[in-house]
Each structure stands twice: as structure tokens, then as C-alpha cells.
Amino acid sequence: MDLRNAEIGVEYIVREIVTDDEEMDAFLFTLGCYAGEPITVISKLKGGCVVSIKDGRYTIDNQLAEAIRI
């Protein structure tokens, strides 16, 4: 299941990041989003969602949300 299908307010553990784009992978890593880390969807937007990762809140688009497997 990817992050777009996650329920709001539920904490999930990132299983893997599925992307062929090294830049996207590096960007998610700088946010603290990598396998084994908890992630929570705060709200869903038309073009993406707001997530909580390591005490930070970030808006990510649908392409990034699809790459994050929970």
C-alpha cells in the first residue's frame, strides 16, 4: 500500500521507497523518510498530502506519496 491510500491520523512505518529517481530518493532521505521510520498523514490535499515525519510537517505531492510504501 502506498501513502496515498493511508488513513488520516494513523501512524505507519515506511516499508520501502520505490523510485528510480535518485534525486527523489535523496530528497525523501533528507526529510527523514526511509525504511523503518514512522510517518503519519495529517491531511489529504487535491495534489498530495501533508505528512508528519520526525516532528516535522511536510507537504508532498502525489508522485512522492506513491513512492512511499507503508
PDB file of N, CA and C in Angstrom:
ATOM      1  N   MET A   1       0.862  -1.172   0.000  1.00  0.00           N
ATOM      2  CA  MET A   1       0.000   0.000   0.000  1.00  0.00           C
ATOM      3  C   MET A   1       0.906   1.232   0.000  1.00  0.00           C
ATOM      4  N   ASP A   2       0.528   2.240  -0.796  1.00  0.00           N
ATOM      5  CA  ASP A   2       1.324   3.459  -0.790  1.00  0.00           C
ATOM      6  C   ASP A   2       0.664   4.523   0.093  1.00  0.00           C
ATOM      7  N   LEU A   3       1.358   5.611   0.264  1.00  0.00           N
ATOM      8  CA  LEU A   3       0.923   6.637   1.208  1.00  0.00           C
ATOM      9  C   LEU A   3      -0.387   7.315   0.798  1.00  0.00           C
ATOM     10  N   ARG A   4      -0.715   7.316  -0.495  1.00  0.00           N
ATOM     11  CA  ARG A   4      -1.971   7.947  -0.931  1.00  0.00           C
ATOM     12  C   ARG A   4      -3.187   7.236  -0.363  1.00  0.00           C
ATOM     13  N   ASN A   5      -3.053   5.950  -0.031  1.00  0.00           N
ATOM     14  CA  ASN A   5      -4.170   5.164   0.498  1.00  0.00           C
ATOM     15  C   ASN A   5      -4.203   5.118   2.019  1.00  0.00           C
ATOM     16  N   ALA A   6      -3.302   5.827   2.671  1.00  0.00           N
ATOM     17  CA  ALA A   6      -3.223   5.805   4.133  1.00  0.00           C
ATOM     18  C   ALA A   6      -4.387   6.582   4.753  1.00  0.00           C
ATOM     19  N   GLU A   7      -4.773   6.153   5.946  1.00  0.00           N
ATOM     20  CA  GLU A   7      -5.818   6.858   6.691  1.00  0.00           C
ATOM     21  C   GLU A   7      -5.207   8.055   7.412  1.00  0.00           C
ATOM     22  N   ILE A   8      -5.975   9.113   7.526  1.00  0.00           N
ATOM     23  CA  ILE A   8      -5.521  10.321   8.211  1.00  0.00           C
ATOM     24  C   ILE A   8      -5.417  10.051   9.713  1.00  0.00           C
ATOM     25  N   GLY A   9      -4.287  10.477  10.302  1.00  0.00           N
ATOM     26  CA  GLY A   9      -4.095  10.369  11.741  1.00  0.00           C
ATOM     27  C   GLY A   9      -3.542   9.048  12.237  1.00  0.00           C
ATOM     28  N   VAL A  10      -3.312   8.091  11.348  1.00  0.00           N
ATOM     29  CA  VAL A  10      -2.783   6.788  11.738  1.00  0.00           C
ATOM     30  C   VAL A  10      -1.278   6.768  11.467  1.00  0.00           C
ATOM     31  N   GLU A  11      -0.499   6.324  12.455  1.00  0.00           N
ATOM     32  CA  GLU A  11       0.946   6.235  12.261  1.00  0.00           C
ATOM     33  C   GLU A  11       1.296   4.927  11.561  1.00  0.00           C
ATOM     34  N   TYR A  12       2.055   5.038  10.487  1.00  0.00           N
ATOM     35  CA  TYR A  12       2.516   3.882   9.727  1.00  0.00           C
ATOM     36  C   TYR A  12       4.035   3.832   9.777  1.00  0.00           C
ATOM     37  N   ILE A  13       4.585   2.674   9.485  1.00  0.00           N
ATOM     38  CA  ILE A  13       6.033   2.517   9.362  1.00  0.00           C
ATOM     39  C   ILE A  13       6.348   2.389   7.870  1.00  0.00           C
ATOM     40  N   VAL A  14       7.293   3.173   7.392  1.00  0.00           N
ATOM     41  CA  VAL A  14       7.696   3.116   5.991  1.00  0.00           C
ATOM     42  C   VAL A  14       8.368   1.767   5.737  1.00  0.00           C
ATOM     43  N   ARG A  15       7.823   0.997   4.799  1.00  0.00           N
ATOM     44  CA  ARG A  15       8.407  -0.303   4.451  1.00  0.00           C
ATOM     45  C   ARG A  15       9.536  -0.131   3.449  1.00  0.00           C
ATOM     46  N   GLU A  16       9.296   0.703   2.426  1.00  0.00           N
ATOM     47  CA  GLU A  16      10.308   0.940   1.409  1.00  0.00           C
ATOM     48  C   GLU A  16       9.972   2.186   0.599  1.00  0.00           C
ATOM     49  N   ILE A  17      10.972   2.694  -0.090  1.00  0.00           N
ATOM     50  CA  ILE A  17      10.799   3.797  -1.022  1.00  0.00           C
ATOM     51  C   ILE A  17      11.020   3.210  -2.414  1.00  0.00           C
ATOM     52  N   VAL A  18      10.005   3.306  -3.269  1.00  0.00           N
ATOM     53  CA  VAL A  18      10.072   2.714  -4.603  1.00  0.00           C
ATOM     54  C   VAL A  18      10.176   3.836  -5.633  1.00  0.00           C
ATOM     55  N   THR A  19      11.411   4.084  -6.083  1.00  0.00           N
ATOM     56  CA  THR A  19      11.631   5.101  -7.105  1.00  0.00           C
ATOM     57  C   THR A  19      12.929   4.819  -7.847  1.00  0.00           C
ATOM     58  N   ASP A  20      12.951   5.155  -9.119  1.00  0.00           N
ATOM     59  CA  ASP A  20      14.167   5.044  -9.913  1.00  0.00           C
ATOM     60  C   ASP A  20      14.919   6.366  -9.944  1.00  0.00           C
ATOM     61  N   ASP A  21      14.317   7.410  -9.388  1.00  0.00           N
ATOM     62  CA  ASP A  21      14.891   8.752  -9.387  1.00  0.00           C
ATOM     63  C   ASP A  21      15.753   8.940  -8.139  1.00  0.00           C
ATOM     64  N   GLU A  22      17.059   8.983  -8.318  1.00  0.00           N
ATOM     65  CA  GLU A  22      17.965   9.117  -7.181  1.00  0.00           C
ATOM     66  C   GLU A  22      17.768  10.449  -6.459  1.00  0.00           C
ATOM     67  N   GLU A  23      17.410  11.492  -7.197  1.00  0.00           N
ATOM     68  CA  GLU A  23      17.185  12.811  -6.590  1.00  0.00           C
ATOM     69  C   GLU A  23      15.976  12.774  -5.661  1.00  0.00           C
ATOM     70  N   MET A  24      14.900  12.100  -6.085  1.00  0.00           N
ATOM     71  CA  MET A  24      13.707  11.977  -5.246  1.00  0.00           C
ATOM     72  C   MET A  24      14.029  11.156  -3.997  1.00  0.00           C
ATOM     73  N   ASP A  25      14.775  10.084  -4.180  1.00  0.00           N
ATOM     74  CA  ASP A  25      15.166   9.231  -3.065  1.00  0.00           C
ATOM     75  C   ASP A  25      16.011  10.015  -2.056  1.00  0.00           C
ATOM     76  N   ALA A  26      16.947  10.809  -2.545  1.00  0.00           N
ATOM     77  CA  ALA A  26      17.801  11.623  -1.672  1.00  0.00           C
ATOM     78  C   ALA A  26      16.982  12.689  -0.949  1.00  0.00           C
ATOM     79  N   PHE A  27      16.004  13.279  -1.644  1.00  0.00           N
ATOM     80  CA  PHE A  27      15.147  14.294  -1.029  1.00  0.00           C
ATOM     81  C   PHE A  27      14.349  13.698   0.124  1.00  0.00           C
ATOM     82  N   LEU A  28      13.746  12.539  -0.090  1.00  0.00           N
ATOM     83  CA  LEU A  28      12.974  11.893   0.967  1.00  0.00           C
ATOM     84  C   LEU A  28      13.870  11.527   2.142  1.00  0.00           C
ATOM     85  N   PHE A  29      15.099  11.109   1.859  1.00  0.00           N
ATOM     86  CA  PHE A  29      16.040  10.768   2.921  1.00  0.00           C
ATOM     87  C   PHE A  29      16.376  11.995   3.768  1.00  0.00           C
ATOM     88  N   THR A  30      16.512  13.166   3.137  1.00  0.00           N
ATOM     89  CA  THR A  30      16.809  14.387   3.895  1.00  0.00           C
ATOM     90  C   THR A  30      15.641  14.781   4.800  1.00  0.00           C
ATOM     91  N   LEU A  31      14.432  14.384   4.425  1.00  0.00           N
ATOM     92  CA  LEU A  31      13.264  14.655   5.277  1.00  0.00           C
ATOM     93  C   LEU A  31      13.182  13.665   6.439  1.00  0.00           C
ATOM     94  N   GLY A  32      13.959  12.604   6.369  1.00  0.00           N
ATOM     95  CA  GLY A  32      13.905  11.555   7.390  1.00  0.00           C
ATOM     96  C   GLY A  32      12.950  10.452   7.020  1.00  0.00           C
ATOM     97  N   CYS A  33      12.584  10.391   5.750  1.00  0.00           N
ATOM     98  CA  CYS A  33      11.634   9.395   5.266  1.00  0.00           C
ATOM     99  C   CYS A  33      12.393   8.261   4.589  1.00  0.00           C
ATOM    100  N   TYR A  34      12.600   7.171   5.333  1.00  0.00           N
ATOM    101  CA  TYR A  34      13.258   5.985   4.800  1.00  0.00           C
ATOM    102  C   TYR A  34      12.723   4.779   5.539  1.00  0.00           C
ATOM    103  N   ALA A  35      13.050   3.601   5.049  1.00  0.00           N
ATOM    104  CA  ALA A  35      12.504   2.347   5.597  1.00  0.00           C
ATOM    105  C   ALA A  35      12.728   2.244   7.101  1.00  0.00           C
ATOM    106  N   GLY A  36      11.654   1.884   7.803  1.00  0.00           N
ATOM    107  CA  GLY A  36      11.716   1.704   9.250  1.00  0.00           C
ATOM    108  C   GLY A  36      11.291   2.916  10.056  1.00  0.00           C
ATOM    109  N   GLU A  37      11.108   4.047   9.407  1.00  0.00           N
ATOM    110  CA  GLU A  37      10.722   5.276  10.111  1.00  0.00           C
ATOM    111  C   GLU A  37       9.195   5.437  10.143  1.00  0.00           C
ATOM    112  N   PRO A  38       8.671   5.980  11.240  1.00  0.00           N
ATOM    113  CA  PRO A  38       7.222   6.231  11.303  1.00  0.00           C
ATOM    114  C   PRO A  38       6.833   7.458  10.481  1.00  0.00           C
ATOM    115  N   ILE A  39       5.641   7.406   9.914  1.00  0.00           N
ATOM    116  CA  ILE A  39       5.098   8.515   9.133  1.00  0.00           C
ATOM    117  C   ILE A  39       3.590   8.569   9.366  1.00  0.00           C
ATOM    118  N   THR A  40       3.045   9.769   9.476  1.00  0.00           N
ATOM    119  CA  THR A  40       1.613   9.954   9.706  1.00  0.00           C
ATOM    120  C   THR A  40       1.067  10.957   8.702  1.00  0.00           C
ATOM    121  N   VAL A  41      -0.058  10.629   8.061  1.00  0.00           N
ATOM    122  CA  VAL A  41      -0.730  11.562   7.164  1.00  0.00           C
ATOM    123  C   VAL A  41      -1.595  12.477   8.020  1.00  0.00           C
ATOM    124  N   ILE A  42      -1.309  13.777   7.955  1.00  0.00           N
ATOM    125  CA  ILE A  42      -2.055  14.774   8.732  1.00  0.00           C
ATOM    126  C   ILE A  42      -3.328  15.189   7.996  1.00  0.00           C
ATOM    127  N   SER A  43      -3.210  15.418   6.697  1.00  0.00           N
ATOM    128  CA  SER A  43      -4.374  15.751   5.883  1.00  0.00           C
ATOM    129  C   SER A  43      -4.087  15.422   4.424  1.00  0.00           C
ATOM    130  N   LYS A  44      -5.154  15.291   3.658  1.00  0.00           N
ATOM    131  CA  LYS A  44      -5.022  14.997   2.232  1.00  0.00           C
ATOM    132  C   LYS A  44      -5.463  16.218   1.441  1.00  0.00           C
ATOM    133  N   LEU A  45      -4.714  16.501   0.390  1.00  0.00           N
ATOM    134  CA  LEU A  45      -4.987  17.626  -0.490  1.00  0.00           C
ATOM    135  C   LEU A  45      -5.273  17.090  -1.887  1.00  0.00           C
ATOM    136  N   LYS A  46      -5.750  17.951  -2.753  1.00  0.00           N
ATOM    137  CA  LYS A  46      -6.067  17.526  -4.106  1.00  0.00           C
ATOM    138  C   LYS A  46      -4.832  16.992  -4.835  1.00  0.00           C
ATOM    139  N   GLY A  47      -3.694  17.653  -4.668  1.00  0.00           N
ATOM    140  CA  GLY A  47      -2.494  17.251  -5.383  1.00  0.00           C
ATOM    141  C   GLY A  47      -1.495  16.472  -4.556  1.00  0.00           C
ATOM    142  N   GLY A  48      -1.838  16.115  -3.327  1.00  0.00           N
ATOM    143  CA  GLY A  48      -0.902  15.393  -2.471  1.00  0.00           C
ATOM    144  C   GLY A  48      -1.418  15.273  -1.058  1.00  0.00           C
ATOM    145  N   CYS A  49      -0.510  15.382  -0.078  1.00  0.00           N
ATOM    146  CA  CYS A  49      -0.921  15.280   1.312  1.00  0.00           C
ATOM    147  C   CYS A  49       0.111  15.943   2.227  1.00  0.00           C
ATOM    148  N   VAL A  50      -0.310  16.211   3.445  1.00  0.00           N
ATOM    149  CA  VAL A  50       0.568  16.751   4.477  1.00  0.00           C
ATOM    150  C   VAL A  50       0.912  15.599   5.404  1.00  0.00           C
ATOM    151  N   VAL A  51       2.209  15.396   5.625  1.00  0.00           N
ATOM    152  CA  VAL A  51       2.656  14.287   6.455  1.00  0.00           C
ATOM    153  C   VAL A  51       3.514  14.786   7.607  1.00  0.00           C
ATOM    154  N   SER A  52       3.558  13.985   8.650  1.00  0.00           N
ATOM    155  CA  SER A  52       4.418  14.247   9.792  1.00  0.00           C
ATOM    156  C   SER A  52       5.515  13.191   9.801  1.00  0.00           C
ATOM    157  N   ILE A  53       6.771  13.685   9.731  1.00  0.00           N
ATOM    158  CA  ILE A  53       7.940  12.803   9.764  1.00  0.00           C
ATOM    159  C   ILE A  53       8.921  13.397  10.765  1.00  0.00           C
ATOM    160  N   LYS A  54       9.255  12.633  11.797  1.00  0.00           N
ATOM    161  CA  LYS A  54      10.251  13.077  12.785  1.00  0.00           C
ATOM    162  C   LYS A  54       9.992  14.504  13.287  1.00  0.00           C
ATOM    163  N   ASP A  55       8.833  14.758  13.815  1.00  0.00           N
ATOM    164  CA  ASP A  55       8.453  16.048  14.395  1.00  0.00           C
ATOM    165  C   ASP A  55       8.409  17.193  13.392  1.00  0.00           C
ATOM    166  N   GLY A  56       8.440  16.907  12.109  1.00  0.00           N
ATOM    167  CA  GLY A  56       8.311  17.928  11.078  1.00  0.00           C
ATOM    168  C   GLY A  56       7.074  17.652  10.249  1.00  0.00           C
ATOM    169  N   ARG A  57       6.504  18.709   9.685  1.00  0.00           N
ATOM    170  CA  ARG A  57       5.339  18.547   8.807  1.00  0.00           C
ATOM    171  C   ARG A  57       5.725  19.000   7.411  1.00  0.00           C
ATOM    172  N   TYR A  58       5.393  18.183   6.430  1.00  0.00           N
ATOM    173  CA  TYR A  58       5.776  18.449   5.056  1.00  0.00           C
ATOM    174  C   TYR A  58       4.599  18.202   4.134  1.00  0.00           C
ATOM    175  N   THR A  59       4.516  18.991   3.082  1.00  0.00           N
ATOM    176  CA  THR A  59       3.531  18.767   2.033  1.00  0.00           C
ATOM    177  C   THR A  59       4.239  18.038   0.910  1.00  0.00           C
ATOM    178  N   ILE A  60       3.709  16.889   0.543  1.00  0.00           N
ATOM    179  CA  ILE A  60       4.306  16.130  -0.548  1.00  0.00           C
ATOM    180  C   ILE A  60       3.261  15.913  -1.631  1.00  0.00           C
ATOM    181  N   ASP A  61       3.719  15.854  -2.877  1.00  0.00           N
ATOM    182  CA  ASP A  61       2.776  15.657  -3.976  1.00  0.00           C
ATOM    183  C   ASP A  61       2.463  14.175  -4.153  1.00  0.00           C
ATOM    184  N   ASN A  62       1.532  13.901  -5.050  1.00  0.00           N
ATOM    185  CA  ASN A  62       1.091  12.522  -5.255  1.00  0.00           C
ATOM    186  C   ASN A  62       2.212  11.617  -5.768  1.00  0.00           C
ATOM    187  N   GLN A  63       3.126  12.155  -6.567  1.00  0.00           N
ATOM    188  CA  GLN A  63       4.234  11.344  -7.070  1.00  0.00           C
ATOM    189  C   GLN A  63       5.121  10.848  -5.932  1.00  0.00           C
ATOM    190  N   LEU A  64       5.428  11.718  -4.978  1.00  0.00           N
ATOM    191  CA  LEU A  64       6.205  11.292  -3.808  1.00  0.00           C
ATOM    192  C   LEU A  64       5.399  10.322  -2.951  1.00  0.00           C
ATOM    193  N   ALA A  65       4.111  10.602  -2.775  1.00  0.00           N
ATOM    194  CA  ALA A  65       3.264   9.739  -1.955  1.00  0.00           C
ATOM    195  C   ALA A  65       3.178   8.324  -2.536  1.00  0.00           C
ATOM    196  N   GLU A  66       3.175   8.208  -3.859  1.00  0.00           N
ATOM    197  CA  GLU A  66       3.137   6.890  -4.498  1.00  0.00           C
ATOM    198  C   GLU A  66       4.431   6.117  -4.270  1.00  0.00           C
ATOM    199  N   ALA A  67       5.535   6.823  -4.118  1.00  0.00           N
ATOM    200  CA  ALA A  67       6.839   6.170  -3.944  1.00  0.00           C
ATOM    201  C   ALA A  67       7.025   5.614  -2.536  1.00  0.00           C
ATOM    202  N   ILE A  68       6.254   6.107  -1.575  1.00  0.00           N
ATOM    203  CA  ILE A  68       6.401   5.687  -0.184  1.00  0.00           C
ATOM    204  C   ILE A  68       5.456   4.537   0.100  1.00  0.00           C
ATOM    205  N   ARG A  69       6.008   3.369   0.341  1.00  0.00           N
ATOM    206  CA  ARG A  69       5.217   2.163   0.646  1.00  0.00           C
ATOM    207  C   ARG A  69       5.139   1.964   2.153  1.00  0.00           C
ATOM    208  N   ILE A  70       3.922   1.721   2.623  1.00  0.00           N
ATOM    209  CA  ILE A  70       3.702   1.537   4.069  1.00  0.00           C
ATOM    210  C   ILE A  70       3.125   0.167   4.334  1.00  0.00           C
TER     211      ILE A  70
END
